[in-house]
Amino acid sequence: MVGSLRYRGSDIVESMETSKRETLMDEKIYVAVTGKDLESKSSLVWAIQNSGGKEFCIVHVHQPIQISVPGEMFHEQKLRLYRKEKEKALKNLDKYLHICRQMQVTAEIISIEMDSVGEGILQLISQRGVTKLVTGAAADRHYSMRMKDLQSKKAIYIHREAPATCHIWFTCKGYLICSREARSTDNSYLEYSSSNTLSQSKITRETESVPSSSIVKDDAETSKRKARFEASKREEAEKSAVDALKKAKQWEAVYFEELKRRKETEKALRKTNEELEKMRSEAESQITESYTVIRKLQEKNNLSMETLRRLREEQEELKIKLREVSKLKGKREEEEVSPSNHREPPQYFICPITQDIMEDPHVATDGFTYEREAISGWFARGHETSPMINKRLPHTSLVPNLALRSAIQEWLQVPESLNKSSACKSEHF
């Protein structure tokens, strides 16, 4: 009877230990991954190939982006960016599930949101009683053959702060860098309880009461642990709610502050726009006045140039008339001095313009001969027609009439020779 009681007592203790482990510990293998495109693929593949497990849980801690957008578009902008980032992270997690299906293992995804990845993983370990975890020691690009220590701040934080009941493997680029063994205090307590029960059954025959008391004690301990666990969960939930409420109030204060700033900015912009509009209208009126003044000055300048041109033409005409007057005056004086020597010159010796005997006759393209200075002045005044026939000339080039010039000079010299010969005869006689 005593032997049967001993056997039954040990069976009860072992079954209690098994049920307690199943209740408090989750034997699934958890693999922490990042939200980037298959950045943690090497850690997942290593866990599947080396752990020997068939059930895996892919853990992802989503860090919501922090943005600051002023004004009424704040919430809409933040929500749009949040959804876009969340969709991208879910697509990457589906790729990890596809790898698990290809390697013929069962897997599920757990995704939580926290500002710190390390704190999120620790919270998950505490809530789910995780006993096996695979995470990265550093990014794959930092791997080297001499790498023996943890490089990532997240990995160092998890190694230091994770519960002692969790066995953690740290990998990088498909290689195991280091691991942290689990240390369980519950197992030692169970072994001590079992050995104490068996020793008491050997000493006394009243061991029928020992198994029942042990069961009650273990059930009470289990209930206490569950209660403490539930209480911690409630405290964490309350703390999260308080933090969320504080953040909401902070965001609300920031929103109203930005709204106030925006109104002040809009008011300043309206005032600036009014001043700019006023300056623009004044500038336009000044520009219009300037154009009017410039146009008037241009008209006055054109009138001045036209007056100057006319004065120059009149000056040239006066010069020609003065020369003609001086020539006529000289001829009159000669006629008054020697009236007996006055002779009428041939008509072709006379310039059609000056009506005087030509000194330097030139032929124009109309075939008529003119005094060079007179015809040049005619062309200089802007005339392009013939003074005789009033037709347009092909060009204004002149050709000297040497034959006519010689004839005029001979004609002018004849009176002097006659005077000399008459003087000689009078002396002879």
Protein backbone atom coordinates (compact mmCIF):
# COMPACT_ATOMS: atom_id res chain seq x y z
CA MET A 1 0.00 0.00 0.00
CA VAL A 2 2.84 2.32 0.88
CA GLY A 3 4.66 1.48 -2.36
CA SER A 4 1.57 2.23 -4.40
CA LEU A 5 1.16 5.53 -2.61
CA ARG A 6 4.74 6.44 -3.33
CA TYR A 7 4.30 5.69 -7.02
CA ARG A 8 1.10 7.64 -7.23
CA GLY A 9 2.66 10.64 -5.41
CA SER A 10 5.60 10.84 -7.83
CA ASP A 11 3.24 10.57 -10.80
CA ILE A 12 1.16 13.45 -9.45
CA VAL A 13 4.23 15.63 -8.94
CA GLU A 14 5.53 14.89 -12.48
CA SER A 15 2.14 15.60 -14.03
CA MET A 16 1.98 18.86 -12.06
CA GLU A 17 5.40 19.85 -13.31
CA THR A 18 4.45 19.09 -16.92
CA SER A 19 1.15 20.99 -16.69
CA LYS A 20 2.88 23.91 -15.03
CA ARG A 21 5.47 24.13 -17.76
CA GLU A 22 2.79 23.92 -20.42
CA THR A 23 0.83 26.67 -18.65
CA LEU A 24 3.64 29.14 -17.99
CA MET A 25 6.06 28.48 -20.86
CA ASP A 26 5.51 28.70 -24.61
CA GLU A 27 7.72 26.13 -26.37
CA LYS A 28 7.41 27.77 -29.77
CA ILE A 29 10.59 29.20 -31.25
CA TYR A 30 10.28 32.95 -31.68
CA VAL A 31 12.33 34.70 -34.38
CA ALA A 32 12.66 38.50 -34.25
CA VAL A 33 12.71 40.12 -37.72
CA THR A 34 12.85 43.68 -39.07
CA GLY A 35 10.36 45.37 -41.34
CA LYS A 36 12.87 45.90 -44.14
CA ASP A 37 12.89 43.68 -47.21
CA LEU A 38 14.09 40.21 -45.95
CA GLU A 39 16.84 41.81 -43.85
CA SER A 40 16.42 39.06 -41.19
CA LYS A 41 16.14 36.12 -43.61
CA SER A 42 19.46 34.63 -42.42
CA SER A 43 18.24 34.52 -38.79
CA LEU A 44 14.98 32.77 -39.76
CA VAL A 45 16.72 30.19 -41.95
CA TRP A 46 19.29 29.48 -39.20
CA ALA A 47 16.49 28.96 -36.62
CA ILE A 48 14.62 26.51 -38.87
CA GLN A 49 17.75 24.53 -39.77
CA ASN A 50 19.40 24.37 -36.32
CA SER A 51 16.68 24.47 -33.67
CA GLY A 52 14.86 21.30 -34.65
CA GLY A 53 11.49 22.91 -34.00
CA LYS A 54 8.40 22.65 -36.17
CA GLU A 55 6.41 25.61 -34.88
CA PHE A 56 7.76 29.11 -35.24
CA CYS A 57 6.52 32.55 -34.43
CA ILE A 58 7.80 35.52 -36.48
CA VAL A 59 8.02 38.58 -34.22
CA HIS A 60 8.04 42.13 -35.60
CA VAL A 61 8.06 45.34 -33.55
CA HIS A 62 6.72 48.18 -35.68
CA GLN A 63 8.10 51.63 -34.88
CA PRO A 64 5.60 54.33 -35.96
CA ILE A 65 7.32 57.22 -37.70
CA GLN A 66 7.44 60.57 -35.92
CA ILE A 67 6.38 63.48 -38.15
CA SER A 68 5.59 67.12 -37.49
CA VAL A 69 3.18 68.64 -39.99
CA PRO A 70 1.68 72.03 -39.00
CA GLY A 71 -1.89 73.00 -39.54
CA GLU A 72 -5.10 71.13 -40.26
CA MET A 73 -3.41 68.56 -42.52
CA PHE A 74 -1.50 67.06 -39.55
CA HIS A 75 -3.74 64.08 -38.73
CA GLU A 76 -4.47 63.20 -42.36
CA GLN A 77 -0.78 63.33 -43.31
CA LYS A 78 0.25 61.21 -40.34
CA LEU A 79 -2.48 58.63 -41.00
CA ARG A 80 -1.54 58.34 -44.68
CA LEU A 81 2.15 57.81 -43.92
CA TYR A 82 1.31 55.33 -41.15
CA ARG A 83 -0.87 53.22 -43.46
CA LYS A 84 1.75 53.21 -46.19
CA GLU A 85 4.48 52.06 -43.80
CA LYS A 86 2.19 49.43 -42.24
CA GLU A 87 1.29 47.94 -45.62
CA LYS A 88 4.95 47.75 -46.59
CA ALA A 89 5.82 45.96 -43.31
CA LEU A 90 2.97 43.42 -43.79
CA LYS A 91 4.16 42.60 -47.30
CA ASN A 92 7.67 41.92 -45.97
CA LEU A 93 6.26 39.69 -43.19
CA ASP A 94 4.35 37.68 -45.81
CA LYS A 95 7.68 36.97 -47.49
CA TYR A 96 8.97 35.43 -44.24
CA LEU A 97 5.85 33.23 -44.06
CA HIS A 98 6.52 32.09 -47.62
CA ILE A 99 10.04 31.03 -46.61
CA CYS A 100 8.60 28.97 -43.71
CA ARG A 101 6.13 27.24 -46.04
CA GLN A 102 8.93 26.42 -48.46
CA MET A 103 10.96 24.86 -45.61
CA GLN A 104 7.86 22.89 -44.47
CA VAL A 105 7.39 24.37 -40.99
CA THR A 106 4.40 25.99 -39.33
CA ALA A 107 4.66 29.71 -38.60
CA GLU A 108 2.57 32.62 -37.46
CA ILE A 109 3.16 36.38 -37.26
CA ILE A 110 3.01 38.60 -34.19
CA SER A 111 3.34 42.32 -34.82
CA ILE A 112 3.23 44.95 -32.10
CA GLU A 113 3.83 48.67 -32.08
CA MET A 114 6.31 50.38 -29.78
CA ASP A 115 8.80 53.22 -30.02
CA SER A 116 11.68 50.91 -28.95
CA VAL A 117 12.25 47.54 -30.65
CA GLY A 118 14.14 46.13 -27.65
CA GLU A 119 11.39 47.07 -25.19
CA GLY A 120 8.77 45.59 -27.50
CA ILE A 121 10.58 42.22 -27.66
CA LEU A 122 10.99 42.16 -23.84
CA GLN A 123 7.30 42.90 -23.38
CA LEU A 124 6.42 40.05 -25.74
CA ILE A 125 8.70 37.64 -23.83
CA SER A 126 7.00 38.56 -20.54
CA GLN A 127 3.44 38.39 -21.86
CA ARG A 128 3.77 35.10 -23.75
CA GLY A 129 6.33 33.37 -21.53
CA VAL A 130 8.75 32.92 -24.42
CA THR A 131 11.49 30.36 -23.69
CA LYS A 132 13.29 30.28 -27.05
CA LEU A 133 14.19 33.35 -29.04
CA VAL A 134 16.40 33.88 -32.12
CA THR A 135 17.42 37.45 -32.93
CA GLY A 136 20.18 39.27 -34.78
CA ALA A 137 23.50 40.12 -33.15
CA ALA A 138 24.11 42.81 -35.77
CA ALA A 139 23.16 43.68 -39.33
CA ASP A 140 24.49 41.20 -41.94
CA ARG A 141 26.68 43.89 -43.50
CA HIS A 142 28.68 44.14 -40.23
CA TYR A 143 29.55 40.44 -40.12
CA SER A 144 33.19 39.30 -40.05
CA MET A 145 34.98 36.00 -39.26
CA ARG A 146 36.43 37.51 -36.07
CA MET A 147 33.04 38.64 -34.77
CA LYS A 148 32.46 37.17 -31.28
CA ASP A 149 30.53 39.85 -29.40
CA LEU A 150 27.20 41.55 -29.91
CA GLN A 151 27.38 44.69 -32.08
CA SER A 152 23.79 45.90 -32.05
CA LYS A 153 22.53 48.05 -29.15
CA LYS A 154 19.20 46.25 -29.41
CA ALA A 155 20.89 42.83 -29.02
CA ILE A 156 22.97 44.03 -26.04
CA TYR A 157 19.82 45.40 -24.38
CA ILE A 158 17.87 42.14 -24.89
CA HIS A 159 20.83 40.04 -23.62
CA ARG A 160 20.96 42.14 -20.45
CA GLU A 161 17.27 42.70 -19.68
CA ALA A 162 15.49 39.57 -20.95
CA PRO A 163 14.01 37.17 -18.33
CA ALA A 164 16.33 34.37 -17.19
CA THR A 165 13.82 31.72 -18.32
CA CYS A 166 14.35 32.59 -22.01
CA HIS A 167 17.06 30.90 -24.05
CA ILE A 168 18.33 33.37 -26.68
CA TRP A 169 20.44 32.72 -29.77
CA PHE A 170 22.16 35.70 -31.43
CA THR A 171 23.00 35.20 -35.14
CA CYS A 172 24.50 37.23 -37.98
CA LYS A 173 24.52 36.37 -41.69
CA GLY A 174 23.49 32.77 -40.98
CA TYR A 175 26.14 32.13 -38.26
CA LEU A 176 25.66 31.75 -34.51
CA ILE A 177 27.62 34.51 -32.75
CA CYS A 178 26.69 33.74 -29.13
CA SER A 179 23.82 32.43 -27.01
CA ARG A 180 22.42 32.94 -23.53
CA GLU A 181 21.30 29.80 -21.68
CA ALA A 182 18.01 29.79 -19.77
CA ARG A 183 18.04 29.52 -15.95
CA SER A 184 14.81 28.21 -14.42
CA THR A 185 14.12 28.53 -10.66
CA ASP A 186 10.81 26.65 -10.87
CA ASN A 187 12.46 23.33 -11.82
CA SER A 188 14.69 23.29 -8.73
CA TYR A 189 11.68 24.04 -6.57
CA LEU A 190 9.73 21.13 -8.11
CA GLU A 191 12.61 18.71 -7.68
CA TYR A 192 12.97 19.69 -4.02
CA SER A 193 9.21 19.22 -3.49
CA SER A 194 9.26 15.79 -5.14
CA SER A 195 12.24 14.48 -3.13
CA ASN A 196 10.76 15.80 0.11
CA THR A 197 7.50 13.96 -0.57
CA LEU A 198 9.27 10.64 -1.27
CA SER A 199 11.44 10.86 1.85
CA GLN A 200 8.45 11.53 4.06
CA SER A 201 6.64 8.48 2.63
CA LYS A 202 9.57 6.25 3.64
CA ILE A 203 9.66 7.47 7.22
CA THR A 204 5.99 7.25 8.12
CA ARG A 205 2.93 5.41 6.90
CA GLU A 206 0.78 8.51 7.02
CA THR A 207 1.94 9.61 3.56
CA GLU A 208 -1.57 9.52 2.09
CA SER A 209 -1.95 13.17 3.11
CA VAL A 210 1.34 14.36 1.52
CA PRO A 211 0.33 14.20 -2.17
CA SER A 212 -2.92 16.04 -1.56
CA SER A 213 -1.21 18.83 0.39
CA SER A 214 1.45 19.16 -2.29
CA ILE A 215 -1.20 19.42 -4.96
CA VAL A 216 -3.06 22.11 -3.07
CA LYS A 217 0.15 24.01 -2.40
CA ASP A 218 1.22 23.84 -6.05
CA ASP A 219 -2.23 24.89 -7.24
CA ALA A 220 -2.13 27.85 -4.91
CA GLU A 221 1.33 28.82 -6.10
CA THR A 222 0.22 28.53 -9.71
CA SER A 223 -2.85 30.66 -9.01
CA LYS A 224 -0.69 33.28 -7.32
CA ARG A 225 1.66 33.39 -10.31
CA LYS A 226 -1.27 33.71 -12.68
CA ALA A 227 -2.75 36.46 -10.56
CA ARG A 228 0.55 38.30 -10.45
CA PHE A 229 0.89 37.86 -14.22
CA GLU A 230 -2.63 39.20 -14.80
CA ALA A 231 -1.98 42.09 -12.41
CA SER A 232 1.23 43.00 -14.25
CA LYS A 233 -0.63 42.86 -17.54
CA ARG A 234 -3.33 45.18 -16.16
CA GLU A 235 -0.69 47.56 -14.82
CA GLU A 236 1.05 47.61 -18.18
CA ALA A 237 -2.25 48.19 -19.97
CA GLU A 238 -3.14 51.02 -17.58
CA LYS A 239 0.31 52.52 -18.00
CA SER A 240 0.01 52.28 -21.78
CA ALA A 241 -3.42 53.93 -21.63
CA VAL A 242 -2.06 56.75 -19.45
CA ASP A 243 0.90 57.23 -21.79
CA ALA A 244 -1.40 57.24 -24.80
CA LEU A 245 -3.64 59.82 -23.10
CA LYS A 246 -0.62 62.00 -22.30
CA LYS A 247 0.62 61.74 -25.87
CA ALA A 248 -2.86 62.58 -27.16
CA LYS A 249 -2.96 65.68 -24.97
CA GLN A 250 0.52 66.65 -26.12
CA TRP A 251 -0.45 66.20 -29.77
CA GLU A 252 -3.62 68.21 -29.15
CA ALA A 253 -1.60 71.03 -27.59
CA VAL A 254 0.87 70.92 -30.48
CA TYR A 255 -2.02 70.92 -32.97
CA PHE A 256 -3.67 73.99 -31.44
CA GLU A 257 -0.31 75.74 -31.19
CA GLU A 258 0.37 75.04 -34.87
CA LEU A 259 -3.16 76.18 -35.72
CA LYS A 260 -2.54 79.43 -33.85
CA ARG A 261 0.76 79.91 -35.63
CA ARG A 262 -0.87 79.24 -38.95
CA LYS A 263 -3.54 81.88 -38.32
CA GLU A 264 -0.86 84.40 -37.35
CA THR A 265 1.15 83.48 -40.41
CA GLU A 266 -1.90 83.82 -42.69
CA LYS A 267 -2.64 87.23 -41.15
CA ALA A 268 0.95 88.36 -41.72
CA LEU A 269 0.82 87.01 -45.28
CA ARG A 270 -2.40 88.90 -46.01
CA LYS A 271 -0.85 92.11 -44.72
CA THR A 272 2.28 91.51 -46.76
CA ASN A 273 0.22 90.78 -49.88
CA GLU A 274 -1.72 94.01 -49.40
CA GLU A 275 1.50 95.99 -49.08
CA LEU A 276 2.96 94.26 -52.14
CA GLU A 277 -0.21 94.99 -54.13
CA LYS A 278 -0.04 98.63 -53.11
CA MET A 279 3.64 98.83 -54.06
CA ARG A 280 2.89 97.10 -57.38
CA SER A 281 0.13 99.58 -58.26
CA GLU A 282 2.39 102.52 -57.34
CA ALA A 283 5.21 101.07 -59.41
CA GLU A 284 2.88 100.56 -62.38
CA SER A 285 1.66 104.15 -62.17
CA GLN A 286 5.26 105.40 -61.96
CA ILE A 287 6.23 103.26 -64.94
CA THR A 288 3.28 104.64 -66.93
CA GLU A 289 4.30 108.20 -66.09
CA SER A 290 7.89 107.41 -67.04
CA TYR A 291 6.78 106.04 -70.41
CA THR A 292 4.72 109.18 -70.99
CA VAL A 293 7.68 111.44 -70.18
CA ILE A 294 9.98 109.37 -72.38
CA ARG A 295 7.51 109.54 -75.27
CA LYS A 296 7.25 113.32 -74.94
CA LEU A 297 11.03 113.65 -74.79
CA GLN A 298 11.35 111.48 -77.89
CA GLU A 299 8.84 113.68 -79.73
CA LYS A 300 10.75 116.81 -78.68
CA ASN A 301 14.00 115.20 -79.76
CA ASN A 302 12.54 114.32 -83.16
CA LEU A 303 11.32 117.91 -83.57
CA SER A 304 14.73 119.23 -82.56
CA MET A 305 16.49 116.96 -85.07
CA GLU A 306 14.09 118.02 -87.82
CA THR A 307 14.64 121.70 -86.96
CA LEU A 308 18.42 121.18 -86.96
CA ARG A 309 18.27 119.50 -90.36
CA ARG A 310 16.26 122.39 -91.78
CA LEU A 311 18.65 124.92 -90.31
CA ARG A 312 21.58 123.12 -91.89
CA GLU A 313 19.84 123.13 -95.28
CA GLU A 314 19.06 126.83 -94.95
CA GLN A 315 22.67 127.43 -93.91
CA GLU A 316 23.95 125.67 -97.02
CA GLU A 317 21.55 127.63 -99.20
CA LEU A 318 22.65 130.88 -97.57
CA LYS A 319 26.32 130.01 -98.18
CA ILE A 320 25.59 129.38 -101.86
CA LYS A 321 23.64 132.63 -102.10
CA LEU A 322 26.44 134.50 -100.37
CA ARG A 323 28.97 133.11 -102.83
CA GLU A 324 26.72 134.09 -105.71
CA VAL A 325 26.31 137.59 -104.27
CA SER A 326 30.05 137.94 -103.79
CA LYS A 327 30.67 136.85 -107.40
CA LEU A 328 28.08 139.28 -108.71
CA LYS A 329 29.60 142.02 -106.63
CA GLY A 330 33.07 141.23 -108.03
CA LYS A 331 31.78 141.26 -111.59
CA ARG A 332 30.08 144.60 -111.06
CA GLU A 333 33.25 146.04 -109.67
CA GLU A 334 35.18 144.75 -112.72
CA GLU A 335 32.59 146.17 -115.05
CA GLU A 336 32.76 149.50 -113.31
CA VAL A 337 36.58 149.53 -113.57
CA SER A 338 36.80 148.46 -117.26
CA PRO A 339 33.48 148.99 -118.99
CA SER A 340 35.04 148.87 -122.44
CA ASN A 341 36.25 145.29 -121.94
CA HIS A 342 32.79 143.89 -121.08
CA ARG A 343 31.72 141.09 -123.39
CA GLU A 344 28.82 138.67 -123.30
CA PRO A 345 30.08 135.05 -122.67
CA PRO A 346 28.67 132.12 -124.66
CA GLN A 347 25.63 130.46 -123.07
CA TYR A 348 27.37 127.10 -122.61
CA PHE A 349 30.01 128.89 -120.44
CA ILE A 350 27.22 129.71 -117.93
CA CYS A 351 26.32 127.30 -115.04
CA PRO A 352 22.59 126.46 -115.02
CA ILE A 353 22.50 126.73 -111.22
CA THR A 354 24.64 129.82 -110.45
CA GLN A 355 24.11 131.59 -113.82
CA ASP A 356 27.82 132.54 -113.76
CA ILE A 357 30.82 131.60 -115.88
CA MET A 358 32.05 128.23 -114.70
CA GLU A 359 35.53 127.93 -113.21
CA ASP A 360 35.52 124.13 -112.67
CA PRO A 361 32.91 122.63 -115.04
CA HIS A 362 31.74 119.01 -114.41
CA VAL A 363 29.33 116.81 -116.35
CA ALA A 364 26.51 115.01 -114.44
CA THR A 365 24.69 111.81 -115.56
CA ASP A 366 21.92 113.91 -117.16
CA GLY A 367 24.47 115.18 -119.77
CA PHE A 368 24.50 118.82 -118.58
CA THR A 369 27.59 120.66 -117.35
CA TYR A 370 27.52 122.44 -114.00
CA GLU A 371 29.90 124.24 -111.69
CA ARG A 372 31.35 121.49 -109.49
CA GLU A 373 30.67 123.30 -106.21
CA ALA A 374 27.09 124.14 -107.22
CA ILE A 375 26.07 120.63 -108.30
CA SER A 376 27.78 119.08 -105.23
CA GLY A 377 25.75 121.40 -102.97
CA TRP A 378 22.59 120.38 -104.88
CA PHE A 379 23.28 116.71 -104.10
CA ALA A 380 24.30 117.49 -100.50
CA ARG A 381 20.89 119.02 -99.80
CA GLY A 382 19.26 115.65 -100.53
CA HIS A 383 18.30 116.14 -104.16
CA GLU A 384 18.61 113.07 -106.37
CA THR A 385 17.08 114.56 -109.52
CA SER A 386 18.47 116.61 -112.43
CA PRO A 387 18.29 120.42 -111.91
CA MET A 388 17.53 120.84 -115.63
CA ILE A 389 15.02 118.10 -116.47
CA ASN A 390 13.87 117.17 -112.91
CA LYS A 391 14.33 113.38 -113.46
CA ARG A 392 15.88 110.95 -110.99
CA LEU A 393 19.58 110.39 -111.67
CA PRO A 394 21.04 106.84 -111.59
CA HIS A 395 23.98 108.09 -109.50
CA THR A 396 25.61 111.33 -108.31
CA SER A 397 29.08 110.82 -109.76
CA LEU A 398 30.62 113.80 -111.70
CA VAL A 399 33.10 113.89 -114.59
CA PRO A 400 35.33 117.02 -115.15
CA ASN A 401 34.72 118.80 -118.56
CA LEU A 402 38.33 119.64 -119.39
CA ALA A 403 37.64 120.84 -122.92
CA LEU A 404 35.06 123.35 -121.74
CA ARG A 405 37.34 124.48 -118.96
CA SER A 406 40.17 125.20 -121.46
CA ALA A 407 37.78 127.08 -123.72
CA ILE A 408 36.55 129.24 -120.86
CA GLN A 409 40.10 130.04 -119.78
CA GLU A 410 41.07 131.00 -123.35
CA TRP A 411 38.00 133.17 -123.66
CA LEU A 412 38.79 134.93 -120.41
CA GLN A 413 42.39 135.62 -121.54
CA VAL A 414 41.46 137.24 -124.92
CA PRO A 415 40.60 140.72 -123.56
CA GLU A 416 43.91 141.08 -121.78
CA SER A 417 45.91 140.25 -124.94
CA LEU A 418 43.85 142.73 -126.92
CA ASN A 419 44.48 145.38 -124.34
CA LYS A 420 48.22 144.68 -124.43
CA SER A 421 48.39 144.84 -128.23
CA SER A 422 46.50 148.15 -128.34
CA ALA A 423 48.84 149.53 -125.75
CA CYS A 424 51.89 148.53 -127.79
CA LYS A 425 50.46 150.16 -130.92
CA SER A 426 49.84 153.40 -129.12
CA GLU A 427 53.42 153.49 -127.87
CA HIS A 428 54.71 152.74 -131.37
CA PHE A 429 52.73 155.46 -132.79
